[in-house]
Amino acid sequence: MTPAGSSTPSSGGDRFCYVVMCHTDAPLVERLVRRIRASHPGAVVVLRHDRGPGFISAADAAAWGAQVFDSGLRIVWGGWTMVAATLEVFRHVRDTVDPDWVVLVSGHDYPVRPLAPWAAQVAGSGVDALVAPSDETQVNRYSHRWSPLPRWRVPRPVHRVLTLAWWRIGFPLQRTVVFDELPRGNGWIVGVRRHRPFPDAERYTQAGQWVTLSRRGLSRVLAADAADPVRRREFSRTRIPDESYLPTLLLSDPEIVVERRRTSWVRFVGGEPHPRPLTETDVEAAVASGAPFARKVVPGVSDVALQRIDAAAPGVGSAG
């Protein structure tokens, strides 16, 4: 927990806004929205996507009990555009909804516990932010300046030859230049070692991007972002900035109280870059974690898990 200094912790309130960052599987998003609305009837739900009205229209969202925010900013997941879109929807929510609390989740999340009691507990906890704990910090995420390369696809055998050639021929450069593959087949990214140290190396925090913020936590993080364009630019060239920029701003602010607690439970295996799909065998661990949500929900794979979650909370299941 970050020390609060001389400030008084936020007392919170009961007006919660759930911001859902979604980009695919509209039926799954509908089920998520209906589940949130059934579990926390007084909450506001805002869907943020960049796929136009053909994906989820304002009318469809209203029928589910949600609002839509689509600025047209296209997201590359895991890149700076994810951070920019998050900050953008946070400002939109602040200016239009004016909630006491904002809960950021993905369209592949699903509530695993009744949300209204959880929200009341959070509002009375005296904290300003919930930030997921992290097991490690990968130095080359900020020791290099990362840039995406133009998208190009090659057959798998050619890819293997190029990779082998890099490890053999390019070995002298590997301390300076690093290549990595972007998620979801979005291409490649190259990192070049910084000549000057990363300015926020001592405060850099690697954590999940799914956070819960009080009104004051939201105000402080938006103000910190606007006040330091140099830091914003430096973080935009880090690797996977959506898992570092907001956590670093929050955990380095002595005026707010931050608790290292997950908003969304997730299961990673080994060094895999992506979470495992939520299955029936994960439900018990997800519920026991105390997190209000779990991910990653994958249609078909996670169907039994969702049925089990709904059955465990009669009257709070996803409405049809």
Protein backbone atom coordinates (compact mmCIF):
# COMPACT_ATOMS: atom_id res chain seq x y z
CA MET A 1 0.00 0.00 0.00
CA THR A 2 1.30 3.43 -0.92
CA PRO A 3 1.57 5.77 2.07
CA ALA A 4 -0.98 8.53 2.06
CA GLY A 5 1.26 11.23 3.47
CA SER A 6 -0.73 13.94 5.15
CA SER A 7 -3.82 13.46 2.97
CA THR A 8 -7.03 11.80 4.07
CA PRO A 9 -8.02 8.66 2.13
CA SER A 10 -11.00 8.96 -0.15
CA SER A 11 -14.27 8.00 1.47
CA GLY A 12 -15.60 6.81 -1.88
CA GLY A 13 -19.26 6.58 -2.81
CA ASP A 14 -21.85 4.31 -4.36
CA ARG A 15 -21.84 5.57 -7.95
CA PHE A 16 -19.74 3.05 -9.85
CA CYS A 17 -18.93 3.09 -13.56
CA TYR A 18 -17.68 -0.08 -15.24
CA VAL A 19 -15.63 0.71 -18.36
CA VAL A 20 -15.43 -2.25 -20.73
CA MET A 21 -12.64 -2.18 -23.33
CA CYS A 22 -13.94 -4.47 -26.07
CA HIS A 23 -13.04 -5.25 -29.67
CA THR A 24 -14.63 -8.58 -30.57
CA ASP A 25 -17.34 -11.12 -29.61
CA ALA A 26 -20.34 -8.80 -29.30
CA PRO A 27 -22.58 -11.57 -27.84
CA LEU A 28 -20.00 -12.09 -25.09
CA VAL A 29 -19.94 -8.34 -24.39
CA GLU A 30 -23.73 -8.36 -24.16
CA ARG A 31 -23.64 -11.19 -21.65
CA LEU A 32 -21.00 -9.33 -19.63
CA VAL A 33 -23.05 -6.11 -19.58
CA ARG A 34 -26.23 -7.89 -18.54
CA ARG A 35 -24.35 -9.70 -15.80
CA ILE A 36 -22.88 -6.44 -14.47
CA ARG A 37 -26.26 -4.71 -14.55
CA ALA A 38 -27.95 -7.63 -12.78
CA SER A 39 -25.22 -7.85 -10.14
CA HIS A 40 -24.91 -4.08 -9.59
CA PRO A 41 -28.17 -2.45 -10.76
CA GLY A 42 -27.17 1.10 -9.80
CA ALA A 43 -23.96 1.07 -11.81
CA VAL A 44 -23.23 2.71 -15.15
CA VAL A 45 -21.60 0.62 -17.89
CA VAL A 46 -19.61 2.27 -20.69
CA LEU A 47 -18.38 0.22 -23.65
CA ARG A 48 -15.27 1.49 -25.38
CA HIS A 49 -14.50 0.09 -28.84
CA ASP A 50 -13.08 1.29 -32.15
CA ARG A 51 -15.00 -0.83 -34.63
CA GLY A 52 -17.82 1.56 -35.52
CA PRO A 53 -21.60 1.14 -35.03
CA GLY A 54 -21.60 -2.15 -36.96
CA PHE A 55 -19.97 -3.83 -33.96
CA ILE A 56 -22.11 -2.57 -31.08
CA SER A 57 -24.48 0.31 -31.79
CA ALA A 58 -25.69 2.82 -29.23
CA ALA A 59 -29.19 1.35 -29.54
CA ASP A 60 -27.95 -2.20 -28.89
CA ALA A 61 -25.90 -1.08 -25.91
CA ALA A 62 -28.86 0.87 -24.47
CA ALA A 63 -31.02 -2.26 -24.76
CA TRP A 64 -28.45 -4.10 -22.65
CA GLY A 65 -28.20 -1.23 -20.14
CA ALA A 66 -24.94 0.34 -21.32
CA GLN A 67 -23.51 3.33 -23.16
CA VAL A 68 -21.05 3.35 -26.06
CA PHE A 69 -17.96 5.51 -26.45
CA ASP A 70 -16.18 5.23 -29.81
CA SER A 71 -13.72 8.01 -30.63
CA GLY A 72 -12.29 6.28 -33.68
CA LEU A 73 -8.86 5.85 -32.07
CA ARG A 74 -7.70 2.47 -33.32
CA ILE A 75 -6.06 0.19 -30.77
CA VAL A 76 -3.09 -2.12 -31.13
CA TRP A 77 -3.45 -4.19 -27.97
CA GLY A 78 -0.34 -4.09 -25.82
CA GLY A 79 0.83 -0.82 -27.41
CA TRP A 80 0.60 2.84 -26.48
CA THR A 81 -2.74 3.19 -28.27
CA MET A 82 -4.23 1.04 -25.51
CA VAL A 83 -3.02 3.57 -22.94
CA ALA A 84 -4.25 6.51 -25.01
CA ALA A 85 -7.68 4.92 -25.43
CA THR A 86 -7.91 4.19 -21.71
CA LEU A 87 -7.05 7.77 -20.77
CA GLU A 88 -9.49 9.03 -23.39
CA VAL A 89 -12.41 7.01 -22.07
CA PHE A 90 -11.45 7.92 -18.49
CA ARG A 91 -11.77 11.62 -19.40
CA HIS A 92 -15.07 10.93 -21.15
CA VAL A 93 -16.43 9.13 -18.09
CA ARG A 94 -15.21 11.86 -15.74
CA ASP A 95 -16.90 14.57 -17.82
CA THR A 96 -20.16 12.76 -18.58
CA VAL A 97 -20.81 10.25 -15.81
CA ASP A 98 -18.88 11.85 -12.92
CA PRO A 99 -18.68 8.58 -10.94
CA ASP A 100 -17.31 7.99 -7.46
CA TRP A 101 -15.47 4.92 -8.77
CA VAL A 102 -14.31 3.62 -12.16
CA VAL A 103 -13.66 -0.08 -12.77
CA LEU A 104 -11.70 -0.94 -15.92
CA VAL A 105 -12.22 -4.39 -17.40
CA SER A 106 -11.95 -6.05 -20.80
CA GLY A 107 -14.71 -7.49 -22.95
CA HIS A 108 -13.34 -10.94 -22.09
CA ASP A 109 -13.87 -10.49 -18.34
CA TYR A 110 -16.79 -11.87 -16.34
CA PRO A 111 -17.93 -11.21 -12.74
CA VAL A 112 -17.21 -14.10 -10.38
CA ARG A 113 -18.78 -12.55 -7.26
CA PRO A 114 -21.78 -10.27 -6.58
CA LEU A 115 -20.64 -6.80 -7.59
CA ALA A 116 -22.79 -4.56 -5.40
CA PRO A 117 -21.41 -5.96 -2.10
CA TRP A 118 -17.88 -5.84 -3.52
CA ALA A 119 -18.40 -2.20 -4.57
CA ALA A 120 -19.67 -1.26 -1.10
CA GLN A 121 -16.61 -2.90 0.44
CA VAL A 122 -14.25 -1.01 -1.88
CA ALA A 123 -16.04 2.32 -1.33
CA GLY A 124 -15.62 1.97 2.43
CA SER A 125 -12.04 0.70 2.35
CA GLY A 126 -10.29 4.08 2.39
CA VAL A 127 -8.25 3.36 -0.74
CA ASP A 128 -8.07 5.33 -3.97
CA ALA A 129 -6.94 2.62 -6.36
CA LEU A 130 -6.67 -1.13 -6.78
CA VAL A 131 -3.66 -2.15 -8.87
CA ALA A 132 -2.81 -5.76 -9.66
CA PRO A 133 0.41 -7.08 -8.10
CA SER A 134 3.23 -8.10 -10.41
CA ASP A 135 5.73 -10.92 -9.99
CA GLU A 136 8.54 -9.42 -12.04
CA THR A 137 9.79 -6.45 -14.02
CA GLN A 138 11.44 -7.06 -17.37
CA VAL A 139 14.17 -4.44 -17.66
CA ASN A 140 14.26 -4.41 -21.46
CA ARG A 141 10.71 -3.11 -21.44
CA TYR A 142 12.11 0.32 -20.62
CA SER A 143 15.87 0.01 -21.22
CA HIS A 144 15.12 0.02 -24.97
CA ARG A 145 13.05 2.32 -27.17
CA TRP A 146 10.51 0.14 -28.93
CA SER A 147 8.97 0.82 -32.33
CA PRO A 148 6.66 -1.33 -34.48
CA LEU A 149 8.00 -2.43 -37.84
CA PRO A 150 5.89 -2.33 -41.02
CA ARG A 151 3.65 -5.36 -41.11
CA TRP A 152 4.86 -8.13 -43.36
CA ARG A 153 4.17 -11.82 -43.36
CA VAL A 154 6.45 -14.61 -44.47
CA PRO A 155 5.94 -18.39 -44.62
CA ARG A 156 6.83 -20.25 -41.44
CA PRO A 157 10.02 -21.88 -42.88
CA VAL A 158 11.32 -18.47 -44.01
CA HIS A 159 10.48 -17.07 -40.57
CA ARG A 160 12.60 -19.79 -38.95
CA VAL A 161 15.52 -19.12 -41.28
CA LEU A 162 15.41 -15.38 -40.55
CA THR A 163 15.24 -16.02 -36.80
CA LEU A 164 18.22 -18.40 -36.95
CA ALA A 165 20.17 -15.91 -39.08
CA TRP A 166 19.52 -13.18 -36.54
CA TRP A 167 20.79 -15.31 -33.66
CA ARG A 168 23.90 -16.36 -35.64
CA ILE A 169 24.85 -13.33 -37.74
CA GLY A 170 23.30 -10.57 -35.66
CA PHE A 171 24.68 -11.77 -32.32
CA PRO A 172 27.04 -8.78 -31.87
CA LEU A 173 24.04 -6.44 -32.06
CA GLN A 174 21.80 -8.29 -29.63
CA ARG A 175 22.81 -6.19 -26.63
CA THR A 176 21.67 -3.12 -28.58
CA VAL A 177 18.85 -4.30 -30.81
CA VAL A 178 16.04 -6.66 -29.80
CA PHE A 179 13.15 -7.95 -31.90
CA ASP A 180 9.86 -9.28 -30.61
CA GLU A 181 6.56 -10.38 -32.12
CA LEU A 182 3.44 -8.33 -31.42
CA PRO A 183 0.38 -10.15 -30.04
CA ARG A 184 -2.45 -11.38 -32.23
CA GLY A 185 -0.33 -11.42 -35.37
CA ASN A 186 0.00 -7.63 -35.48
CA GLY A 187 3.59 -7.76 -36.76
CA TRP A 188 7.00 -7.18 -35.22
CA ILE A 189 8.50 -4.63 -32.85
CA VAL A 190 12.14 -3.62 -32.52
CA GLY A 191 13.85 -2.29 -29.39
CA VAL A 192 17.02 -0.20 -29.54
CA ARG A 193 18.92 0.30 -26.28
CA ARG A 194 18.60 3.82 -24.88
CA HIS A 195 21.76 5.91 -24.77
CA ARG A 196 20.43 7.67 -21.70
CA PRO A 197 18.81 5.85 -18.76
CA PHE A 198 15.03 5.65 -18.69
CA PRO A 199 13.98 8.64 -16.54
CA ASP A 200 11.44 6.71 -14.45
CA ALA A 201 13.45 3.50 -13.99
CA GLU A 202 13.33 3.72 -10.18
CA ARG A 203 9.55 4.14 -10.15
CA TYR A 204 8.72 1.92 -13.12
CA THR A 205 6.03 -0.59 -12.16
CA GLN A 206 4.93 -3.54 -14.26
CA ALA A 207 1.38 -4.65 -13.46
CA GLY A 208 -1.96 -5.46 -15.03
CA GLN A 209 -3.75 -2.62 -16.80
CA TRP A 210 -7.14 -3.48 -15.30
CA VAL A 211 -7.58 -1.13 -12.35
CA THR A 212 -10.24 0.27 -10.02
CA LEU A 213 -10.02 4.00 -9.24
CA SER A 214 -11.82 6.33 -6.85
CA ARG A 215 -12.88 9.78 -8.02
CA ARG A 216 -9.68 11.18 -6.54
CA GLY A 217 -7.52 8.41 -7.98
CA LEU A 218 -9.01 9.08 -11.41
CA SER A 219 -8.47 12.83 -11.08
CA ARG A 220 -4.87 12.41 -9.91
CA VAL A 221 -3.85 10.03 -12.69
CA LEU A 222 -5.40 12.23 -15.41
CA ALA A 223 -3.70 15.30 -13.95
CA ALA A 224 -0.34 13.49 -13.76
CA ASP A 225 -0.66 12.41 -17.38
CA ALA A 226 -1.46 15.92 -18.58
CA ALA A 227 1.28 17.55 -16.49
CA ASP A 228 4.27 15.66 -17.90
CA PRO A 229 4.31 15.18 -21.70
CA VAL A 230 7.98 14.12 -21.56
CA ARG A 231 7.18 11.17 -19.29
CA ARG A 232 4.21 10.33 -21.52
CA ARG A 233 6.48 10.31 -24.59
CA GLU A 234 9.11 8.17 -22.88
CA PHE A 235 6.53 5.61 -21.77
CA SER A 236 5.04 5.51 -25.27
CA ARG A 237 8.34 3.97 -26.41
CA THR A 238 8.44 1.30 -23.71
CA ARG A 239 7.45 -2.31 -24.33
CA ILE A 240 3.82 -3.06 -23.42
CA PRO A 241 3.17 0.39 -21.89
CA ASP A 242 -0.41 -0.52 -20.98
CA GLU A 243 1.04 -2.67 -18.20
CA SER A 244 3.29 0.06 -16.80
CA TYR A 245 2.17 3.63 -17.43
CA LEU A 246 -0.97 3.85 -15.26
CA PRO A 247 0.45 1.59 -12.49
CA THR A 248 3.59 3.75 -12.35
CA LEU A 249 1.59 6.99 -12.13
CA LEU A 250 -0.62 5.57 -9.40
CA LEU A 251 2.03 3.90 -7.27
CA SER A 252 4.39 6.89 -7.41
CA ASP A 253 1.75 9.37 -6.18
CA PRO A 254 2.15 9.96 -2.41
CA GLU A 255 -1.22 11.73 -2.21
CA ILE A 256 -3.34 8.66 -2.86
CA VAL A 257 -3.71 5.26 -1.21
CA VAL A 258 -3.10 2.32 -3.53
CA GLU A 259 -3.78 -1.30 -2.64
CA ARG A 260 -2.08 -4.07 -4.59
CA ARG A 261 -5.21 -6.06 -5.33
CA ARG A 262 -6.56 -7.47 -8.56
CA THR A 263 -9.68 -6.23 -10.29
CA SER A 264 -9.57 -9.25 -12.59
CA TRP A 265 -8.22 -12.71 -11.77
CA VAL A 266 -6.23 -14.34 -14.56
CA ARG A 267 -4.13 -17.48 -14.99
CA PHE A 268 -0.78 -17.47 -16.77
CA VAL A 269 1.29 -20.62 -17.25
CA GLY A 270 5.07 -20.50 -17.32
CA GLY A 271 6.42 -17.73 -19.52
CA GLU A 272 3.45 -17.67 -21.86
CA PRO A 273 2.66 -14.11 -23.03
CA HIS A 274 -1.13 -14.61 -23.05
CA PRO A 275 -3.47 -15.77 -20.27
CA ARG A 276 -5.06 -19.19 -20.40
CA PRO A 277 -8.79 -19.28 -21.23
CA LEU A 278 -11.11 -19.45 -18.23
CA THR A 279 -12.37 -22.99 -17.71
CA GLU A 280 -14.58 -24.75 -15.18
CA THR A 281 -11.55 -25.86 -13.17
CA ASP A 282 -10.52 -22.21 -12.70
CA VAL A 283 -13.75 -21.02 -11.12
CA GLU A 284 -12.88 -22.01 -7.55
CA ALA A 285 -9.50 -20.25 -7.68
CA ALA A 286 -11.00 -17.16 -9.31
CA VAL A 287 -13.68 -16.85 -6.62
CA ALA A 288 -11.18 -17.51 -3.82
CA SER A 289 -8.91 -14.72 -5.11
CA GLY A 290 -11.39 -12.08 -3.99
CA ALA A 291 -11.22 -10.32 -7.36
CA PRO A 292 -14.62 -9.27 -8.69
CA PHE A 293 -13.86 -10.40 -12.27
CA ALA A 294 -12.00 -13.20 -14.03
CA ARG A 295 -10.62 -13.55 -17.53
CA LYS A 296 -9.96 -14.60 -20.22
CA VAL A 297 -13.42 -15.73 -21.31
CA VAL A 298 -13.35 -17.52 -24.66
CA PRO A 299 -16.65 -18.54 -26.30
CA GLY A 300 -17.03 -22.30 -26.35
CA VAL A 301 -14.05 -22.96 -24.10
CA SER A 302 -15.47 -20.98 -21.17
CA ASP A 303 -19.17 -21.80 -21.53
CA VAL A 304 -19.34 -24.33 -18.68
CA ALA A 305 -17.36 -22.00 -16.42
CA LEU A 306 -19.84 -19.17 -17.02
CA GLN A 307 -22.78 -21.47 -16.37
CA ARG A 308 -21.22 -22.53 -13.09
CA ILE A 309 -20.60 -18.90 -12.08
CA ASP A 310 -24.17 -17.89 -12.90
CA ALA A 311 -25.59 -20.88 -11.03
CA ALA A 312 -23.62 -19.93 -7.91
CA ALA A 313 -25.45 -16.61 -7.64
CA PRO A 314 -29.20 -17.17 -8.19
CA GLY A 315 -30.95 -14.03 -9.33
CA VAL A 316 -27.69 -12.43 -10.42
CA GLY A 317 -27.12 -14.41 -13.59
CA SER A 318 -26.94 -12.95 -17.09
CA ALA A 319 -30.36 -11.89 -18.22
CA GLY A 320 -31.44 -13.09 -21.61
